[in-house]
Amino acid sequence: MAALTPASHARGATRSLTQADPSWQLLWADEFNGPELQQDNWEPSIGSGCQYGIAGWGNNEKQWYTDLPQNLRVDSGNLVLSAVWDPSAAAIRDQPLTSARIRTFGKHSFGPSPAHPLVKIEARIKLPSGLGLWPAFWMLPADDATASCSGCGRHGVWAASGEIDIMEVANDATQLLGTIHYGGPWPHNSYSSSNVTLPSGASFADDFHTFGIEWGGNEMRWYLDGQLYGTQNSGDGTKNGWFSLGRDAGSVDAPPLPGNAPFGTQQFYVILNLALGSEGTPFTTKMNNGAPVMPEQLIGTMAAGPKTMLVDWVRVWGSAPS
């Protein structure tokens, strides 16, 4: 496990390292400086995941996502995503745990292109901590995706078309993961991951940090506060790196598609969310002795008040060929 000494992340240090490099061009950004969420940039997700074809959001998560101001708002130059214990909501939807999730689906998508063969996608975020919390900044395929099939793309259903996790932490927020999911349709999927911690076991909940990736057609690099901590490469039609088995793969032994699929062949859209509990990953259950975090434990996490993820900005840069 790597440990980094992060660059400055004080509240006024809103510049990314990319801005100082003239080879990078700003392609898109949301600075969250207005009075409300920009609907031409983001679509809030609502509910338990069923309407998107993934009950429990694919991991038996415990939250119900809303677009109510108690869960989702823009305030003082930050996007605010709050996890709330709301007993009154139980009478409406049998779920007292609410949170927020937004995505650029159908509005903006990003990836390497002939005009910009290398892109950088980054956000400056202050994360919450507490048992069962699982905030993330990530991407799913946009090409051939549908509103009712989260994770579907040009090469088939999840994970044949890929998933890019730029940032995810859980529980005490002391370990950062950067991950790609690829391979075949579940359960024939694969993943590769890098992780990093802050010096002296500090928590990512203590201050803002900048999380980002640099992404080319055959390589992806993960950064924390401008410092590299992980690299993944295309298998170029082999399993010696990322690959896609395609939509019809019936086993993990199926041959990969040729080329750099799924990450060198598609555009992806951005997601920001604050999930609650999960039985789907050891990462989210390890602080609970490997057991699922139950609703009553999550209620305990939020007994003193909402748990909040603050996003200062999201920016996408492109580097043109020299």
Protein backbone atom coordinates (compact mmCIF):
# COMPACT_ATOMS: atom_id res chain seq x y z
CA MET A 1 0.00 0.00 0.00
CA ALA A 2 1.44 3.35 -1.04
CA ALA A 3 1.46 6.40 1.22
CA LEU A 4 1.73 9.90 -0.25
CA THR A 5 2.45 13.33 1.13
CA PRO A 6 -0.24 15.36 -0.63
CA ALA A 7 0.24 18.75 -2.28
CA SER A 8 -1.47 21.82 -0.85
CA HIS A 9 -5.21 21.40 -0.52
CA ALA A 10 -6.24 24.45 1.46
CA ARG A 11 -9.67 25.91 0.69
CA GLY A 12 -8.17 28.63 -1.51
CA ALA A 13 -5.98 26.24 -3.51
CA THR A 14 -8.55 25.49 -6.16
CA ARG A 15 -6.14 25.32 -9.10
CA SER A 16 -5.24 21.91 -10.41
CA LEU A 17 -1.74 21.14 -11.61
CA THR A 18 -3.23 20.81 -15.10
CA GLN A 19 -4.02 24.53 -15.25
CA ALA A 20 -0.33 25.41 -15.09
CA ASP A 21 0.49 23.23 -18.14
CA PRO A 22 -0.31 24.95 -21.46
CA SER A 23 -0.59 21.61 -23.28
CA TRP A 24 -3.89 20.95 -21.46
CA GLN A 25 -7.13 22.56 -22.65
CA LEU A 26 -10.18 22.83 -20.41
CA LEU A 27 -12.98 20.86 -22.14
CA TRP A 28 -15.71 21.05 -19.50
CA ALA A 29 -16.13 22.02 -15.86
CA ASP A 30 -18.67 22.60 -13.14
CA GLU A 31 -17.46 24.91 -10.38
CA PHE A 32 -20.76 24.73 -8.40
CA ASN A 33 -20.82 28.50 -7.98
CA GLY A 34 -24.51 29.00 -8.78
CA PRO A 35 -27.56 28.84 -6.52
CA GLU A 36 -28.58 25.30 -7.58
CA LEU A 37 -27.47 22.20 -9.43
CA GLN A 38 -27.07 22.84 -13.15
CA GLN A 39 -29.60 20.56 -14.83
CA ASP A 40 -27.82 20.83 -18.18
CA ASN A 41 -24.81 19.17 -16.54
CA TRP A 42 -26.28 16.65 -14.12
CA GLU A 43 -29.17 14.24 -13.70
CA PRO A 44 -30.04 13.19 -10.13
CA SER A 45 -30.67 9.48 -9.65
CA ILE A 46 -33.77 8.61 -7.64
CA GLY A 47 -34.71 5.50 -5.66
CA SER A 48 -33.21 2.14 -4.82
CA GLY A 49 -31.78 1.27 -8.23
CA CYS A 50 -34.65 -0.90 -9.43
CA GLN A 51 -35.65 1.49 -12.20
CA TYR A 52 -32.06 1.36 -13.51
CA GLY A 53 -32.01 -2.44 -13.57
CA ILE A 54 -29.82 -2.79 -10.46
CA ALA A 55 -31.79 -3.32 -7.25
CA GLY A 56 -29.78 -2.08 -4.27
CA TRP A 57 -27.55 -0.35 -6.82
CA GLY A 58 -25.86 -3.68 -7.54
CA ASN A 59 -24.32 -4.07 -4.08
CA ASN A 60 -27.37 -4.39 -1.78
CA GLU A 61 -26.84 -0.80 -0.65
CA LYS A 62 -29.23 0.56 1.97
CA GLN A 63 -29.96 4.12 0.82
CA TRP A 64 -32.81 5.64 -1.17
CA TYR A 65 -31.48 8.42 -3.40
CA THR A 66 -33.47 11.65 -3.61
CA ASP A 67 -33.09 15.11 -5.14
CA LEU A 68 -34.46 16.79 -2.02
CA PRO A 69 -32.39 19.71 -0.62
CA GLN A 70 -31.66 17.74 2.55
CA ASN A 71 -29.72 15.28 0.38
CA LEU A 72 -28.65 17.26 -2.71
CA ARG A 73 -27.95 20.96 -3.08
CA VAL A 74 -25.38 23.60 -4.04
CA ASP A 75 -24.25 25.75 -1.13
CA SER A 76 -21.40 28.26 -0.69
CA GLY A 77 -19.57 27.16 -3.85
CA ASN A 78 -19.81 23.44 -3.16
CA LEU A 79 -21.97 20.59 -4.35
CA VAL A 80 -23.39 18.99 -1.18
CA LEU A 81 -24.37 15.31 -1.10
CA SER A 82 -25.71 14.35 2.32
CA ALA A 83 -26.62 11.01 3.84
CA VAL A 84 -29.52 11.49 6.25
CA TRP A 85 -31.42 9.37 8.73
CA ASP A 86 -34.97 10.51 8.08
CA PRO A 87 -37.51 8.44 10.06
CA SER A 88 -40.40 10.28 8.38
CA ALA A 89 -39.31 8.88 5.01
CA ALA A 90 -39.91 5.33 6.22
CA ALA A 91 -43.66 5.87 6.02
CA ILE A 92 -43.32 6.90 2.37
CA ARG A 93 -40.92 4.31 1.00
CA ASP A 94 -40.08 1.96 3.88
CA GLN A 95 -36.56 3.44 3.88
CA PRO A 96 -35.38 5.96 6.52
CA LEU A 97 -31.88 6.24 5.03
CA THR A 98 -31.59 8.75 2.18
CA SER A 99 -28.65 10.12 0.21
CA ALA A 100 -27.74 11.56 -3.22
CA ARG A 101 -26.29 10.46 -6.54
CA ILE A 102 -25.85 12.53 -9.72
CA ARG A 103 -24.53 11.72 -13.18
CA THR A 104 -23.78 13.42 -16.49
CA PHE A 105 -25.58 10.64 -18.40
CA GLY A 106 -27.18 11.93 -21.60
CA LYS A 107 -25.57 15.35 -21.12
CA HIS A 108 -21.76 15.05 -21.15
CA SER A 109 -19.40 12.15 -21.79
CA PHE A 110 -15.64 12.00 -21.99
CA GLY A 111 -12.73 9.89 -23.17
CA PRO A 112 -9.72 9.91 -25.45
CA SER A 113 -10.43 11.13 -29.00
CA PRO A 114 -8.45 12.03 -32.12
CA ALA A 115 -8.62 15.70 -31.11
CA HIS A 116 -7.57 14.95 -27.51
CA PRO A 117 -5.86 11.54 -27.26
CA LEU A 118 -5.17 12.14 -23.57
CA VAL A 119 -7.78 13.45 -21.13
CA LYS A 120 -7.63 14.31 -17.45
CA ILE A 121 -10.75 14.07 -15.27
CA GLU A 122 -10.50 15.41 -11.75
CA ALA A 123 -12.49 16.74 -8.81
CA ARG A 124 -11.69 18.48 -5.56
CA ILE A 125 -13.65 16.81 -2.76
CA LYS A 126 -13.91 16.65 1.01
CA LEU A 127 -15.19 13.25 2.07
CA PRO A 128 -17.22 12.07 5.06
CA SER A 129 -16.24 9.25 7.41
CA GLY A 130 -18.26 6.77 9.42
CA LEU A 131 -19.14 3.08 9.48
CA GLY A 132 -20.97 2.10 6.29
CA LEU A 133 -20.31 5.28 4.29
CA TRP A 134 -19.07 4.74 0.73
CA PRO A 135 -18.53 7.94 -1.30
CA ALA A 136 -17.30 7.69 -4.89
CA PHE A 137 -16.31 9.67 -8.01
CA TRP A 138 -16.52 7.32 -10.97
CA MET A 139 -17.57 6.70 -14.57
CA LEU A 140 -19.72 4.33 -16.62
CA PRO A 141 -19.90 3.85 -20.41
CA ALA A 142 -22.00 6.33 -22.40
CA ASP A 143 -21.88 4.73 -25.85
CA ASP A 144 -25.00 2.60 -26.47
CA ALA A 145 -26.01 3.07 -22.81
CA THR A 146 -29.67 3.32 -21.83
CA ALA A 147 -31.37 5.06 -18.92
CA SER A 148 -32.71 1.76 -17.62
CA CYS A 149 -29.46 -0.25 -17.81
CA SER A 150 -26.71 1.16 -15.62
CA GLY A 151 -23.33 -0.13 -16.80
CA CYS A 152 -24.46 -1.14 -20.28
CA GLY A 153 -22.31 0.02 -23.18
CA ARG A 154 -20.94 -0.73 -26.59
CA HIS A 155 -19.49 -4.09 -25.54
CA GLY A 156 -22.42 -5.37 -23.45
CA VAL A 157 -23.66 -5.26 -19.87
CA TRP A 158 -21.47 -4.64 -16.81
CA ALA A 159 -18.53 -5.18 -16.75
CA ALA A 160 -17.91 -6.03 -20.43
CA SER A 161 -18.15 -2.32 -21.27
CA GLY A 162 -16.08 -1.21 -18.30
CA GLU A 163 -16.25 0.96 -15.18
CA ILE A 164 -13.70 3.55 -14.05
CA ASP A 165 -13.47 4.33 -10.32
CA ILE A 166 -11.48 7.55 -9.99
CA MET A 167 -12.02 7.73 -6.23
CA GLU A 168 -13.72 5.58 -3.66
CA VAL A 169 -13.21 5.43 0.08
CA ALA A 170 -15.24 3.76 2.81
CA ASN A 171 -15.86 3.84 6.55
CA ASP A 172 -13.04 5.80 8.25
CA ALA A 173 -11.90 7.21 4.86
CA THR A 174 -8.22 6.40 5.43
CA GLN A 175 -7.65 4.37 2.25
CA LEU A 176 -8.23 5.61 -1.31
CA LEU A 177 -8.88 3.16 -4.13
CA GLY A 178 -8.57 3.74 -7.88
CA THR A 179 -10.01 0.83 -9.86
CA ILE A 180 -11.13 -0.34 -13.30
CA HIS A 181 -13.68 -3.08 -13.88
CA TYR A 182 -13.64 -4.91 -17.21
CA GLY A 183 -13.72 -8.41 -18.76
CA GLY A 184 -17.06 -10.10 -19.39
CA PRO A 185 -20.63 -9.68 -18.24
CA TRP A 186 -21.02 -10.50 -14.53
CA PRO A 187 -20.02 -13.00 -13.15
CA HIS A 188 -17.25 -13.24 -15.76
CA ASN A 189 -15.86 -9.83 -14.83
CA SER A 190 -12.36 -8.80 -13.72
CA TYR A 191 -10.84 -5.75 -12.05
CA SER A 192 -7.50 -4.08 -11.32
CA SER A 193 -6.93 -1.62 -8.48
CA SER A 194 -4.38 0.65 -6.81
CA ASN A 195 -4.63 2.16 -3.34
CA VAL A 196 -2.98 4.89 -1.31
CA THR A 197 -3.11 6.32 2.20
CA LEU A 198 -2.24 9.70 3.66
CA PRO A 199 0.75 10.16 5.99
CA SER A 200 0.29 9.12 9.61
CA GLY A 201 -3.02 7.43 8.85
CA ALA A 202 -4.85 10.72 8.28
CA SER A 203 -8.42 10.61 6.99
CA PHE A 204 -9.63 12.00 3.69
CA ALA A 205 -12.45 13.48 5.77
CA ASP A 206 -10.02 15.97 7.36
CA ASP A 207 -9.69 18.29 4.35
CA PHE A 208 -10.28 18.74 0.62
CA HIS A 209 -8.21 16.67 -1.81
CA THR A 210 -7.97 16.53 -5.60
CA PHE A 211 -8.67 13.12 -7.14
CA GLY A 212 -8.03 12.50 -10.82
CA ILE A 213 -7.07 10.27 -13.70
CA GLU A 214 -5.10 10.80 -16.88
CA TRP A 215 -6.56 8.56 -19.56
CA GLY A 216 -5.20 7.61 -22.96
CA GLY A 217 -6.29 4.91 -25.35
CA ASN A 218 -3.97 2.30 -23.88
CA GLU A 219 -3.04 3.61 -20.41
CA MET A 220 -4.76 5.11 -17.38
CA ARG A 221 -3.03 6.83 -14.44
CA TRP A 222 -4.49 7.74 -11.01
CA TYR A 223 -3.48 10.86 -9.07
CA LEU A 224 -4.01 12.19 -5.55
CA ASP A 225 -3.28 15.91 -5.16
CA GLY A 226 -1.24 15.81 -8.36
CA GLN A 227 0.88 12.82 -7.34
CA LEU A 228 0.78 9.57 -9.28
CA TYR A 229 -0.15 6.45 -7.30
CA GLY A 230 -1.47 3.93 -9.83
CA THR A 231 -1.19 2.92 -13.49
CA GLN A 232 -3.18 0.41 -15.57
CA ASN A 233 -2.61 -0.55 -19.21
CA SER A 234 -4.52 -2.11 -22.07
CA GLY A 235 -3.92 -5.77 -22.81
CA ASP A 236 -4.20 -4.90 -26.52
CA GLY A 237 -6.40 -7.88 -27.24
CA THR A 238 -4.81 -10.10 -24.56
CA LYS A 239 -5.48 -10.57 -20.85
CA ASN A 240 -2.17 -8.94 -19.92
CA GLY A 241 -3.92 -5.72 -18.94
CA TRP A 242 -7.49 -4.47 -19.34
CA PHE A 243 -9.70 -6.27 -21.86
CA SER A 244 -13.30 -6.92 -22.82
CA LEU A 245 -14.74 -10.37 -23.49
CA GLY A 246 -17.70 -8.77 -25.27
CA ARG A 247 -21.43 -9.05 -24.74
CA ASP A 248 -21.70 -12.76 -25.58
CA ALA A 249 -18.96 -14.17 -23.34
CA GLY A 250 -20.18 -17.27 -21.52
CA SER A 251 -17.14 -17.81 -19.31
CA VAL A 252 -13.95 -16.14 -18.13
CA ASP A 253 -12.09 -18.29 -20.66
CA ALA A 254 -13.66 -16.52 -23.65
CA PRO A 255 -11.12 -14.75 -25.89
CA PRO A 256 -10.80 -10.97 -25.51
CA LEU A 257 -11.95 -8.57 -28.18
CA PRO A 258 -9.09 -7.16 -30.29
CA GLY A 259 -7.64 -3.75 -29.50
CA ASN A 260 -8.04 -1.55 -26.43
CA ALA A 261 -11.66 -2.31 -25.44
CA PRO A 262 -13.36 -1.29 -23.27
CA PHE A 263 -11.51 1.90 -22.24
CA GLY A 264 -9.91 2.81 -25.56
CA THR A 265 -13.10 2.50 -27.60
CA GLN A 266 -15.85 4.42 -25.76
CA GLN A 267 -16.84 7.63 -24.02
CA PHE A 268 -17.87 7.51 -20.35
CA TYR A 269 -20.08 9.71 -18.18
CA VAL A 270 -19.31 10.97 -14.66
CA ILE A 271 -21.04 9.92 -11.41
CA LEU A 272 -20.78 11.37 -7.90
CA ASN A 273 -22.55 9.58 -5.07
CA LEU A 274 -22.62 8.82 -1.37
CA ALA A 275 -23.72 5.20 -0.86
CA LEU A 276 -24.65 3.56 2.45
CA GLY A 277 -23.64 0.02 3.32
CA SER A 278 -22.85 -2.77 0.89
CA GLU A 279 -22.66 -6.52 1.01
CA GLY A 280 -20.99 -6.59 -2.38
CA THR A 281 -17.39 -5.67 -1.59
CA PRO A 282 -14.83 -6.61 1.08
CA PHE A 283 -13.67 -2.97 0.89
CA THR A 284 -16.91 -1.74 2.45
CA THR A 285 -17.34 -4.50 5.01
CA LYS A 286 -13.79 -4.85 6.37
CA MET A 287 -14.39 -2.47 9.31
CA ASN A 288 -17.38 -4.61 10.32
CA ASN A 289 -15.40 -7.86 10.55
CA GLY A 290 -16.40 -8.74 7.00
CA ALA A 291 -20.13 -8.65 7.81
CA PRO A 292 -22.66 -6.45 5.99
CA VAL A 293 -23.27 -3.07 7.62
CA MET A 294 -26.87 -3.20 8.78
CA PRO A 295 -29.39 -0.33 8.69
CA GLU A 296 -29.33 0.07 12.49
CA GLN A 297 -25.55 0.52 12.31
CA LEU A 298 -25.94 3.16 9.60
CA ILE A 299 -28.53 4.93 11.73
CA GLY A 300 -25.91 4.99 14.49
CA THR A 301 -23.41 6.53 12.06
CA MET A 302 -25.84 9.38 11.35
CA ALA A 303 -27.37 9.72 14.81
CA ALA A 304 -25.48 12.96 15.44
CA GLY A 305 -26.51 14.44 12.09
CA PRO A 306 -26.07 14.09 8.32
CA LYS A 307 -22.83 12.86 6.79
CA THR A 308 -21.78 15.09 3.93
CA MET A 309 -19.59 14.88 0.82
CA LEU A 310 -18.52 18.33 -0.46
CA VAL A 311 -17.42 18.78 -4.08
CA ASP A 312 -15.66 22.07 -4.86
CA TRP A 313 -15.39 21.44 -8.61
CA VAL A 314 -15.22 18.84 -11.39
CA ARG A 315 -12.99 19.55 -14.42
CA VAL A 316 -12.17 17.72 -17.63
CA TRP A 317 -9.04 18.56 -19.63
CA GLY A 318 -7.74 17.41 -23.00
CA SER A 319 -4.23 17.32 -24.38
CA ALA A 320 -4.01 17.89 -28.15
CA PRO A 321 -1.42 16.08 -30.29
CA SER A 322 1.85 17.98 -30.51
